[in-house]
Amino acid sequence: MSQIRTLLRTLVLVPVLAVVTAPPVFAQWWKHGGDVPYVPTPQSVVEAMLRLADVSAEDLVYDLGSGDGRIVITAAGTFGARAVGIDIDPERIAESRENARKAGVQNRVRFIQQDLFEADLGEATVVTLYLLSSVNEQLRPKLLEELAPGVRVVSHAFDMGEWQPEQSITVDGSVLYLWVVPAQVAGRWQGMVQGPDGELPVDLVLHQRFQQLDGMAVLNGAHLLLEQAEVEGRQVAMELTDGLGAAQRMVGTVDGDSIEGKVYAASDGRLLGNWQVTRAPMARPEGFQTIDAGSP
């Protein structure tokens, strides 16, 4: 009987000790809710990911969970970009640096041994991922907070939950997802619309959930419906309609605390004029939301 109790204690303790004494490579995965095994991305999919993100020599690509460095090396060698790989496994980092040396791109790439949740992503213009959906969702608030509007994010096989992709494609049986980080435009904006009737005051209150917008608009004292409103990177588009069919489509570019652009007839695309607004210096209106990253 005592031998049976000893055996049971051993069976219980072994997995506990395995977790407590797990090597660093597993610490990041355990901390963030699951095991993300190292599975290399096929080279055809690597190249498709970088094409989907429209990578060029002007880009700085960050690959999170960079494995043997193949995405980083391809970004530099084939697409001419600068690139950074981040991985928590020191063996993968060493392998990546050697692979970069063999490919002759060591001067255009860096590999950093670090927990990707602690990495500074602020300089990236493109981010690539091959993690898990659960890890992507935990990473989502960091991406939205640290990345500049317009940064492209590409994931192999796994989505971002409620943050819907701008595009998805299938390559050699793998689904690839593309997102564009949206500017934060939630809040109140005031300015002028200049068109056939002269300059008219406009007041916008925008609510934002990822790239989707809703809210209210007042143009020259008239309350208008705000429809088909969205933001992609720094580009904002919305329709203002009186509810009777007359509508204007406003398209603009966000530059910090200002937006300016063109006004078109929604019916036929005729250019009607220009618009410019600035973020109103006031307390947040009721219902104000910044980008809603949702709960992981």
C-alpha atoms as a PDB file:
ATOM      1  CA  MET A   1       0.000   0.000   0.000  1.00  0.00           C
ATOM      2  CA  SER A   2       2.832   2.381   0.866  1.00  0.00           C
ATOM      3  CA  GLN A   3       4.398   1.669  -2.533  1.00  0.00           C
ATOM      4  CA  ILE A   4       1.155   2.645  -4.259  1.00  0.00           C
ATOM      5  CA  ARG A   5       0.991   5.933  -2.295  1.00  0.00           C
ATOM      6  CA  THR A   6       4.616   6.648  -3.239  1.00  0.00           C
ATOM      7  CA  LEU A   7       3.866   5.977  -6.897  1.00  0.00           C
ATOM      8  CA  LEU A   8       0.799   8.273  -6.825  1.00  0.00           C
ATOM      9  CA  ARG A   9       2.816  11.067  -5.205  1.00  0.00           C
ATOM     10  CA  THR A  10       5.442  10.686  -7.922  1.00  0.00           C
ATOM     11  CA  LEU A  11       2.854  10.853 -10.712  1.00  0.00           C
ATOM     12  CA  VAL A  12       1.366  14.023  -9.222  1.00  0.00           C
ATOM     13  CA  LEU A  13       4.688  15.750  -8.546  1.00  0.00           C
ATOM     14  CA  VAL A  14       6.403  15.079 -11.860  1.00  0.00           C
ATOM     15  CA  PRO A  15       4.187  17.327 -14.037  1.00  0.00           C
ATOM     16  CA  VAL A  16       4.230  20.057 -11.365  1.00  0.00           C
ATOM     17  CA  LEU A  17       8.033  19.982 -11.258  1.00  0.00           C
ATOM     18  CA  ALA A  18       8.111  20.012 -15.054  1.00  0.00           C
ATOM     19  CA  VAL A  19       6.247  23.313 -15.034  1.00  0.00           C
ATOM     20  CA  VAL A  20       8.243  24.864 -12.203  1.00  0.00           C
ATOM     21  CA  THR A  21      11.598  23.899 -13.733  1.00  0.00           C
ATOM     22  CA  ALA A  22      10.602  24.453 -17.370  1.00  0.00           C
ATOM     23  CA  PRO A  23      13.350  26.090 -19.447  1.00  0.00           C
ATOM     24  CA  PRO A  24      12.929  29.775 -20.418  1.00  0.00           C
ATOM     25  CA  VAL A  25      11.767  28.904 -23.914  1.00  0.00           C
ATOM     26  CA  PHE A  26       8.459  27.694 -22.440  1.00  0.00           C
ATOM     27  CA  ALA A  27       7.999  30.547 -19.965  1.00  0.00           C
ATOM     28  CA  GLN A  28       6.520  32.992 -22.472  1.00  0.00           C
ATOM     29  CA  TRP A  29       4.081  30.413 -23.831  1.00  0.00           C
ATOM     30  CA  TRP A  30       2.958  29.239 -20.387  1.00  0.00           C
ATOM     31  CA  LYS A  31       2.556  32.831 -19.152  1.00  0.00           C
ATOM     32  CA  HIS A  32       0.339  33.758 -22.059  1.00  0.00           C
ATOM     33  CA  GLY A  33      -1.996  30.830 -21.930  1.00  0.00           C
ATOM     34  CA  GLY A  34      -0.703  28.033 -24.054  1.00  0.00           C
ATOM     35  CA  ASP A  35       2.060  26.216 -25.820  1.00  0.00           C
ATOM     36  CA  VAL A  36       3.221  27.790 -29.084  1.00  0.00           C
ATOM     37  CA  PRO A  37       5.431  25.107 -30.597  1.00  0.00           C
ATOM     38  CA  TYR A  38       8.115  26.041 -33.094  1.00  0.00           C
ATOM     39  CA  VAL A  39       6.713  25.154 -36.502  1.00  0.00           C
ATOM     40  CA  PRO A  40       8.569  26.675 -39.475  1.00  0.00           C
ATOM     41  CA  THR A  41       6.471  28.562 -42.018  1.00  0.00           C
ATOM     42  CA  PRO A  42       6.837  27.122 -45.551  1.00  0.00           C
ATOM     43  CA  GLN A  43       8.936  29.389 -47.754  1.00  0.00           C
ATOM     44  CA  SER A  44       6.085  29.893 -50.225  1.00  0.00           C
ATOM     45  CA  VAL A  45       3.917  31.153 -47.351  1.00  0.00           C
ATOM     46  CA  VAL A  46       6.725  33.385 -46.040  1.00  0.00           C
ATOM     47  CA  GLU A  47       6.939  35.136 -49.398  1.00  0.00           C
ATOM     48  CA  ALA A  48       3.152  35.387 -49.668  1.00  0.00           C
ATOM     49  CA  MET A  49       2.953  36.996 -46.207  1.00  0.00           C
ATOM     50  CA  LEU A  50       5.471  39.648 -47.190  1.00  0.00           C
ATOM     51  CA  ARG A  51       3.745  40.290 -50.526  1.00  0.00           C
ATOM     52  CA  LEU A  52       0.382  40.596 -48.758  1.00  0.00           C
ATOM     53  CA  ALA A  53       1.934  43.257 -46.507  1.00  0.00           C
ATOM     54  CA  ASP A  54       3.384  44.978 -49.603  1.00  0.00           C
ATOM     55  CA  VAL A  55       6.854  44.950 -48.074  1.00  0.00           C
ATOM     56  CA  SER A  56       9.465  47.120 -49.783  1.00  0.00           C
ATOM     57  CA  ALA A  57      12.932  48.517 -49.163  1.00  0.00           C
ATOM     58  CA  GLU A  58      11.289  51.340 -47.195  1.00  0.00           C
ATOM     59  CA  ASP A  59      10.005  48.963 -44.499  1.00  0.00           C
ATOM     60  CA  LEU A  60      11.214  47.771 -41.121  1.00  0.00           C
ATOM     61  CA  VAL A  61       9.689  44.328 -40.578  1.00  0.00           C
ATOM     62  CA  TYR A  62       9.319  42.853 -37.077  1.00  0.00           C
ATOM     63  CA  ASP A  63       8.719  39.092 -36.898  1.00  0.00           C
ATOM     64  CA  LEU A  64       7.366  38.097 -33.483  1.00  0.00           C
ATOM     65  CA  GLY A  65       8.357  34.552 -32.635  1.00  0.00           C
ATOM     66  CA  SER A  66      10.951  34.519 -35.410  1.00  0.00           C
ATOM     67  CA  GLY A  67      12.102  30.898 -35.121  1.00  0.00           C
ATOM     68  CA  ASP A  68      14.970  30.174 -37.514  1.00  0.00           C
ATOM     69  CA  GLY A  69      14.752  33.689 -38.960  1.00  0.00           C
ATOM     70  CA  ARG A  70      13.372  32.808 -42.377  1.00  0.00           C
ATOM     71  CA  ILE A  71      10.775  35.620 -42.509  1.00  0.00           C
ATOM     72  CA  VAL A  72      13.351  38.199 -41.392  1.00  0.00           C
ATOM     73  CA  ILE A  73      15.968  36.901 -43.844  1.00  0.00           C
ATOM     74  CA  THR A  74      13.498  36.806 -46.745  1.00  0.00           C
ATOM     75  CA  ALA A  75      12.267  40.321 -45.965  1.00  0.00           C
ATOM     76  CA  ALA A  76      15.846  41.554 -46.209  1.00  0.00           C
ATOM     77  CA  GLY A  77      17.174  39.344 -49.004  1.00  0.00           C
ATOM     78  CA  THR A  78      14.201  39.204 -51.370  1.00  0.00           C
ATOM     79  CA  PHE A  79      12.281  42.388 -50.559  1.00  0.00           C
ATOM     80  CA  GLY A  80      15.161  44.684 -49.596  1.00  0.00           C
ATOM     81  CA  ALA A  81      13.676  45.639 -46.225  1.00  0.00           C
ATOM     82  CA  ARG A  82      15.376  45.979 -42.876  1.00  0.00           C
ATOM     83  CA  ALA A  83      14.057  43.424 -40.400  1.00  0.00           C
ATOM     84  CA  VAL A  84      14.103  42.407 -36.748  1.00  0.00           C
ATOM     85  CA  GLY A  85      13.344  38.975 -35.342  1.00  0.00           C
ATOM     86  CA  ILE A  86      12.239  38.496 -31.749  1.00  0.00           C
ATOM     87  CA  ASP A  87      12.222  35.066 -30.112  1.00  0.00           C
ATOM     88  CA  ILE A  88      12.567  33.881 -26.538  1.00  0.00           C
ATOM     89  CA  ASP A  89      14.586  30.758 -27.432  1.00  0.00           C
ATOM     90  CA  PRO A  90      18.370  31.399 -27.404  1.00  0.00           C
ATOM     91  CA  GLU A  91      18.974  28.419 -29.690  1.00  0.00           C
ATOM     92  CA  ARG A  92      16.639  29.855 -32.322  1.00  0.00           C
ATOM     93  CA  ILE A  93      18.342  33.252 -32.042  1.00  0.00           C
ATOM     94  CA  ALA A  94      21.776  31.702 -32.565  1.00  0.00           C
ATOM     95  CA  GLU A  95      20.475  29.677 -35.514  1.00  0.00           C
ATOM     96  CA  SER A  96      18.875  32.782 -37.039  1.00  0.00           C
ATOM     97  CA  ARG A  97      22.063  34.809 -36.841  1.00  0.00           C
ATOM     98  CA  GLU A  98      24.012  32.031 -38.548  1.00  0.00           C
ATOM     99  CA  ASN A  99      21.336  31.707 -41.247  1.00  0.00           C
ATOM    100  CA  ALA A 100      21.456  35.466 -41.834  1.00  0.00           C
ATOM    101  CA  ARG A 101      25.242  35.303 -42.165  1.00  0.00           C
ATOM    102  CA  LYS A 102      25.003  32.508 -44.712  1.00  0.00           C
ATOM    103  CA  ALA A 103      22.399  34.495 -46.675  1.00  0.00           C
ATOM    104  CA  GLY A 104      24.595  37.599 -46.619  1.00  0.00           C
ATOM    105  CA  VAL A 105      21.970  39.835 -45.005  1.00  0.00           C
ATOM    106  CA  GLN A 106      23.453  40.145 -41.513  1.00  0.00           C
ATOM    107  CA  ASN A 107      23.918  43.902 -41.978  1.00  0.00           C
ATOM    108  CA  ARG A 108      20.192  44.426 -42.632  1.00  0.00           C
ATOM    109  CA  VAL A 109      18.745  42.294 -39.843  1.00  0.00           C
ATOM    110  CA  ARG A 110      18.788  41.972 -36.060  1.00  0.00           C
ATOM    111  CA  PHE A 111      17.708  39.106 -33.836  1.00  0.00           C
ATOM    112  CA  ILE A 112      16.710  39.805 -30.243  1.00  0.00           C
ATOM    113  CA  GLN A 113      16.168  37.207 -27.519  1.00  0.00           C
ATOM    114  CA  GLN A 114      13.140  38.586 -25.679  1.00  0.00           C
ATOM    115  CA  ASP A 115       9.571  37.907 -24.622  1.00  0.00           C
ATOM    116  CA  LEU A 116       7.588  39.362 -27.510  1.00  0.00           C
ATOM    117  CA  PHE A 117       5.087  40.866 -25.045  1.00  0.00           C
ATOM    118  CA  GLU A 118       7.908  42.973 -23.601  1.00  0.00           C
ATOM    119  CA  ALA A 119       9.444  44.058 -26.915  1.00  0.00           C
ATOM    120  CA  ASP A 120       9.262  47.673 -28.098  1.00  0.00           C
ATOM    121  CA  LEU A 121       7.480  47.580 -31.459  1.00  0.00           C
ATOM    122  CA  GLY A 122       7.253  51.320 -32.037  1.00  0.00           C
ATOM    123  CA  GLU A 123       9.608  51.454 -35.043  1.00  0.00           C
ATOM    124  CA  ALA A 124       7.956  48.661 -37.042  1.00  0.00           C
ATOM    125  CA  THR A 125       6.176  49.383 -40.311  1.00  0.00           C
ATOM    126  CA  VAL A 126       5.216  45.715 -40.800  1.00  0.00           C
ATOM    127  CA  VAL A 127       4.649  43.017 -38.162  1.00  0.00           C
ATOM    128  CA  THR A 128       4.457  39.300 -38.986  1.00  0.00           C
ATOM    129  CA  LEU A 129       3.046  36.574 -36.731  1.00  0.00           C
ATOM    130  CA  TYR A 130       2.730  32.808 -36.609  1.00  0.00           C
ATOM    131  CA  LEU A 131       1.460  32.236 -33.085  1.00  0.00           C
ATOM    132  CA  LEU A 132      -2.010  31.127 -31.914  1.00  0.00           C
ATOM    133  CA  SER A 133      -5.340  32.967 -32.012  1.00  0.00           C
ATOM    134  CA  SER A 134      -5.352  33.144 -28.206  1.00  0.00           C
ATOM    135  CA  VAL A 135      -1.870  34.676 -28.179  1.00  0.00           C
ATOM    136  CA  ASN A 136      -2.781  37.056 -31.024  1.00  0.00           C
ATOM    137  CA  GLU A 137      -5.750  38.325 -29.026  1.00  0.00           C
ATOM    138  CA  GLN A 138      -3.587  38.928 -25.962  1.00  0.00           C
ATOM    139  CA  LEU A 139      -1.085  40.710 -28.184  1.00  0.00           C
ATOM    140  CA  ARG A 140      -3.771  42.818 -29.896  1.00  0.00           C
ATOM    141  CA  PRO A 141      -3.901  45.719 -27.386  1.00  0.00           C
ATOM    142  CA  LYS A 142      -0.107  46.072 -27.574  1.00  0.00           C
ATOM    143  CA  LEU A 143      -0.199  46.226 -31.368  1.00  0.00           C
ATOM    144  CA  LEU A 144      -2.926  48.872 -31.378  1.00  0.00           C
ATOM    145  CA  GLU A 145      -1.171  50.959 -28.735  1.00  0.00           C
ATOM    146  CA  GLU A 146       2.440  50.794 -29.902  1.00  0.00           C
ATOM    147  CA  LEU A 147       2.190  50.638 -33.698  1.00  0.00           C
ATOM    148  CA  ALA A 148       1.707  53.775 -35.771  1.00  0.00           C
ATOM    149  CA  PRO A 149      -1.422  54.186 -37.918  1.00  0.00           C
ATOM    150  CA  GLY A 150      -0.908  52.463 -41.241  1.00  0.00           C
ATOM    151  CA  VAL A 151       1.401  49.707 -39.974  1.00  0.00           C
ATOM    152  CA  ARG A 152       0.505  46.388 -41.617  1.00  0.00           C
ATOM    153  CA  VAL A 153       0.121  43.244 -39.519  1.00  0.00           C
ATOM    154  CA  VAL A 154       0.133  39.824 -41.188  1.00  0.00           C
ATOM    155  CA  SER A 155      -0.642  36.550 -39.439  1.00  0.00           C
ATOM    156  CA  HIS A 156      -0.150  33.033 -40.732  1.00  0.00           C
ATOM    157  CA  ALA A 157      -3.140  30.782 -39.942  1.00  0.00           C
ATOM    158  CA  PHE A 158      -4.479  32.583 -36.843  1.00  0.00           C
ATOM    159  CA  ASP A 159      -6.841  35.561 -36.580  1.00  0.00           C
ATOM    160  CA  MET A 160      -7.296  38.427 -34.082  1.00  0.00           C
ATOM    161  CA  GLY A 161     -10.739  37.617 -32.750  1.00  0.00           C
ATOM    162  CA  GLU A 162     -13.073  40.604 -33.008  1.00  0.00           C
ATOM    163  CA  TRP A 163     -10.547  42.703 -34.924  1.00  0.00           C
ATOM    164  CA  GLN A 164     -11.591  41.798 -38.447  1.00  0.00           C
ATOM    165  CA  PRO A 165      -8.866  41.640 -41.126  1.00  0.00           C
ATOM    166  CA  GLU A 166      -8.783  44.008 -44.079  1.00  0.00           C
ATOM    167  CA  GLN A 167      -7.975  41.036 -46.292  1.00  0.00           C
ATOM    168  CA  SER A 168      -7.431  37.288 -46.101  1.00  0.00           C
ATOM    169  CA  ILE A 169      -6.019  34.922 -48.705  1.00  0.00           C
ATOM    170  CA  THR A 170      -5.203  31.216 -48.904  1.00  0.00           C
ATOM    171  CA  VAL A 171      -1.748  30.094 -50.045  1.00  0.00           C
ATOM    172  CA  ASP A 172      -0.797  26.430 -50.262  1.00  0.00           C
ATOM    173  CA  GLY A 173      -3.528  25.550 -47.787  1.00  0.00           C
ATOM    174  CA  SER A 174      -2.597  28.270 -45.287  1.00  0.00           C
ATOM    175  CA  VAL A 175      -4.897  31.221 -44.544  1.00  0.00           C
ATOM    176  CA  LEU A 176      -3.089  34.555 -44.248  1.00  0.00           C
ATOM    177  CA  TYR A 177      -4.674  37.600 -42.604  1.00  0.00           C
ATOM    178  CA  LEU A 178      -3.847  41.274 -43.106  1.00  0.00           C
ATOM    179  CA  TRP A 179      -4.750  44.132 -40.757  1.00  0.00           C
ATOM    180  CA  VAL A 180      -3.882  47.824 -41.012  1.00  0.00           C
ATOM    181  CA  VAL A 181      -3.481  49.622 -37.678  1.00  0.00           C
ATOM    182  CA  PRO A 182      -6.124  52.383 -37.553  1.00  0.00           C
ATOM    183  CA  ALA A 183      -5.570  55.924 -36.341  1.00  0.00           C
ATOM    184  CA  GLN A 184      -7.303  56.750 -33.078  1.00  0.00           C
ATOM    185  CA  VAL A 185     -10.081  59.132 -34.090  1.00  0.00           C
ATOM    186  CA  ALA A 186     -12.639  58.620 -31.334  1.00  0.00           C
ATOM    187  CA  GLY A 187     -13.760  61.891 -29.774  1.00  0.00           C
ATOM    188  CA  ARG A 188     -15.121  65.239 -30.875  1.00  0.00           C
ATOM    189  CA  TRP A 189     -13.949  67.071 -33.992  1.00  0.00           C
ATOM    190  CA  GLN A 190     -14.940  70.565 -35.119  1.00  0.00           C
ATOM    191  CA  GLY A 191     -14.193  72.544 -38.258  1.00  0.00           C
ATOM    192  CA  MET A 192     -15.505  73.624 -41.634  1.00  0.00           C
ATOM    193  CA  VAL A 193     -16.850  72.093 -44.833  1.00  0.00           C
ATOM    194  CA  GLN A 194     -16.212  74.250 -47.887  1.00  0.00           C
ATOM    195  CA  GLY A 195     -18.431  73.603 -50.882  1.00  0.00           C
ATOM    196  CA  PRO A 196     -20.987  75.119 -53.281  1.00  0.00           C
ATOM    197  CA  ASP A 197     -22.782  76.822 -50.375  1.00  0.00           C
ATOM    198  CA  GLY A 198     -19.604  78.360 -48.966  1.00  0.00           C
ATOM    199  CA  GLU A 199     -18.004  77.481 -45.642  1.00  0.00           C
ATOM    200  CA  LEU A 200     -20.281  75.599 -43.259  1.00  0.00           C
ATOM    201  CA  PRO A 201     -19.431  74.599 -39.664  1.00  0.00           C
ATOM    202  CA  VAL A 202     -19.298  70.869 -38.939  1.00  0.00           C
ATOM    203  CA  ASP A 203     -19.224  69.087 -35.584  1.00  0.00           C
ATOM    204  CA  LEU A 204     -18.452  65.348 -35.411  1.00  0.00           C
ATOM    205  CA  VAL A 205     -18.564  62.968 -32.452  1.00  0.00           C
ATOM    206  CA  LEU A 206     -16.955  59.666 -33.371  1.00  0.00           C
ATOM    207  CA  HIS A 207     -16.988  56.337 -31.569  1.00  0.00           C
ATOM    208  CA  GLN A 208     -14.500  53.695 -32.673  1.00  0.00           C
ATOM    209  CA  ARG A 209     -14.166  49.930 -32.511  1.00  0.00           C
ATOM    210  CA  PHE A 210     -11.019  48.916 -34.337  1.00  0.00           C
ATOM    211  CA  GLN A 211     -11.477  50.269 -37.903  1.00  0.00           C
ATOM    212  CA  GLN A 212     -15.239  50.728 -37.606  1.00  0.00           C
ATOM    213  CA  LEU A 213     -16.732  54.125 -36.713  1.00  0.00           C
ATOM    214  CA  ASP A 214     -20.133  55.430 -35.728  1.00  0.00           C
ATOM    215  CA  GLY A 215     -21.373  58.568 -34.045  1.00  0.00           C
ATOM    216  CA  MET A 216     -23.158  61.785 -34.945  1.00  0.00           C
ATOM    217  CA  ALA A 217     -22.643  64.845 -37.162  1.00  0.00           C
ATOM    218  CA  VAL A 218     -24.014  68.376 -37.148  1.00  0.00           C
ATOM    219  CA  LEU A 219     -23.490  70.356 -40.368  1.00  0.00           C
ATOM    220  CA  ASN A 220     -24.482  74.026 -40.281  1.00  0.00           C
ATOM    221  CA  GLY A 221     -26.879  73.313 -37.413  1.00  0.00           C
ATOM    222  CA  ALA A 222     -28.543  70.308 -39.093  1.00  0.00           C
ATOM    223  CA  HIS A 223     -28.223  66.873 -37.491  1.00  0.00           C
ATOM    224  CA  LEU A 224     -27.145  64.307 -40.060  1.00  0.00           C
ATOM    225  CA  LEU A 225     -26.778  60.544 -40.017  1.00  0.00           C
ATOM    226  CA  LEU A 226     -23.233  59.206 -40.098  1.00  0.00           C
ATOM    227  CA  GLU A 227     -23.029  56.024 -42.187  1.00  0.00           C
ATOM    228  CA  GLN A 228     -20.447  53.735 -43.799  1.00  0.00           C
ATOM    229  CA  ALA A 229     -17.775  55.225 -41.567  1.00  0.00           C
ATOM    230  CA  GLU A 230     -14.398  53.572 -41.169  1.00  0.00           C
ATOM    231  CA  VAL A 231     -10.714  54.301 -40.756  1.00  0.00           C
ATOM    232  CA  GLU A 232      -7.896  52.419 -42.499  1.00  0.00           C
ATOM    233  CA  GLY A 233      -4.509  53.499 -41.274  1.00  0.00           C
ATOM    234  CA  ARG A 234      -4.623  57.304 -41.445  1.00  0.00           C
ATOM    235  CA  GLN A 235      -7.456  57.386 -44.001  1.00  0.00           C
ATOM    236  CA  VAL A 236     -10.980  58.189 -42.791  1.00  0.00           C
ATOM    237  CA  ALA A 237     -14.140  57.862 -44.870  1.00  0.00           C
ATOM    238  CA  MET A 238     -17.775  58.497 -43.902  1.00  0.00           C
ATOM    239  CA  GLU A 239     -21.120  59.475 -45.395  1.00  0.00           C
ATOM    240  CA  LEU A 240     -23.278  62.246 -43.985  1.00  0.00           C
ATOM    241  CA  THR A 241     -26.917  61.910 -44.992  1.00  0.00           C
ATOM    242  CA  ASP A 242     -30.080  63.816 -44.148  1.00  0.00           C
ATOM    243  CA  GLY A 243     -32.070  60.587 -44.032  1.00  0.00           C
ATOM    244  CA  LEU A 244     -33.953  61.488 -47.221  1.00  0.00           C
ATOM    245  CA  GLY A 245     -31.350  60.227 -49.643  1.00  0.00           C
ATOM    246  CA  ALA A 246     -29.081  63.248 -50.036  1.00  0.00           C
ATOM    247  CA  ALA A 247     -25.594  62.268 -48.939  1.00  0.00           C
ATOM    248  CA  GLN A 248     -22.058  63.573 -48.991  1.00  0.00           C
ATOM    249  CA  ARG A 249     -19.039  61.303 -48.771  1.00  0.00           C
ATOM    250  CA  MET A 250     -16.173  62.769 -46.786  1.00  0.00           C
ATOM    251  CA  VAL A 251     -12.704  61.271 -47.231  1.00  0.00           C
ATOM    252  CA  GLY A 252      -9.755  62.592 -45.254  1.00  0.00           C
ATOM    253  CA  THR A 253      -6.310  61.975 -43.809  1.00  0.00           C
ATOM    254  CA  VAL A 254      -5.606  62.001 -40.075  1.00  0.00           C
ATOM    255  CA  ASP A 255      -2.577  63.998 -39.000  1.00  0.00           C
ATOM    256  CA  GLY A 256      -2.401  63.901 -35.214  1.00  0.00           C
ATOM    257  CA  ASP A 257      -5.212  66.137 -33.959  1.00  0.00           C
ATOM    258  CA  SER A 258      -6.436  67.251 -37.377  1.00  0.00           C
ATOM    259  CA  ILE A 259      -8.219  65.669 -40.317  1.00  0.00           C
ATOM    260  CA  GLU A 260      -8.549  67.186 -43.757  1.00  0.00           C
ATOM    261  CA  GLY A 261      -9.741  65.946 -47.096  1.00  0.00           C
ATOM    262  CA  LYS A 262     -12.323  66.111 -49.856  1.00  0.00           C
ATOM    263  CA  VAL A 263     -16.125  66.027 -50.010  1.00  0.00           C
ATOM    264  CA  TYR A 264     -17.858  64.093 -52.793  1.00  0.00           C
ATOM    265  CA  ALA A 265     -21.443  63.508 -53.828  1.00  0.00           C
ATOM    266  CA  ALA A 266     -22.221  59.989 -52.636  1.00  0.00           C
ATOM    267  CA  SER A 267     -24.483  59.388 -55.642  1.00  0.00           C
ATOM    268  CA  ASP A 268     -22.013  59.992 -58.469  1.00  0.00           C
ATOM    269  CA  GLY A 269     -18.644  60.815 -56.923  1.00  0.00           C
ATOM    270  CA  ARG A 270     -18.604  64.494 -58.004  1.00  0.00           C
ATOM    271  CA  LEU A 271     -16.130  66.625 -56.077  1.00  0.00           C
ATOM    272  CA  LEU A 272     -18.106  69.084 -53.961  1.00  0.00           C
ATOM    273  CA  GLY A 273     -15.401  70.710 -51.889  1.00  0.00           C
ATOM    274  CA  ASN A 274     -13.012  70.310 -48.970  1.00  0.00           C
ATOM    275  CA  TRP A 275     -13.271  69.714 -45.241  1.00  0.00           C
ATOM    276  CA  GLN A 276     -11.005  70.217 -42.285  1.00  0.00           C
ATOM    277  CA  VAL A 277     -11.561  69.511 -38.594  1.00  0.00           C
ATOM    278  CA  THR A 278      -9.460  69.499 -35.443  1.00  0.00           C
ATOM    279  CA  ARG A 279      -9.899  67.526 -32.258  1.00  0.00           C
ATOM    280  CA  ALA A 280     -11.999  69.666 -29.934  1.00  0.00           C
ATOM    281  CA  PRO A 281     -10.193  70.744 -26.724  1.00  0.00           C
ATOM    282  CA  MET A 282     -12.895  69.591 -24.343  1.00  0.00           C
ATOM    283  CA  ALA A 283     -13.687  66.867 -21.850  1.00  0.00           C
ATOM    284  CA  ARG A 284     -14.570  63.563 -23.419  1.00  0.00           C
ATOM    285  CA  PRO A 285     -18.240  63.532 -24.415  1.00  0.00           C
ATOM    286  CA  GLU A 286     -20.519  60.903 -22.958  1.00  0.00           C
ATOM    287  CA  GLY A 287     -19.937  57.574 -24.634  1.00  0.00           C
ATOM    288  CA  PHE A 288     -16.455  58.505 -25.814  1.00  0.00           C
ATOM    289  CA  GLN A 289     -14.314  55.530 -26.811  1.00  0.00           C
ATOM    290  CA  THR A 290     -10.759  55.173 -27.980  1.00  0.00           C
ATOM    291  CA  ILE A 291      -9.944  52.177 -30.137  1.00  0.00           C
ATOM    292  CA  ASP A 292     -11.746  49.305 -28.445  1.00  0.00           C
ATOM    293  CA  ALA A 293      -9.296  46.437 -28.384  1.00  0.00           C
ATOM    294  CA  GLY A 294     -11.855  44.194 -26.716  1.00  0.00           C
ATOM    295  CA  SER A 295     -11.082  41.590 -24.096  1.00  0.00           C
ATOM    296  CA  PRO A 296      -8.621  38.874 -24.975  1.00  0.00           C
END
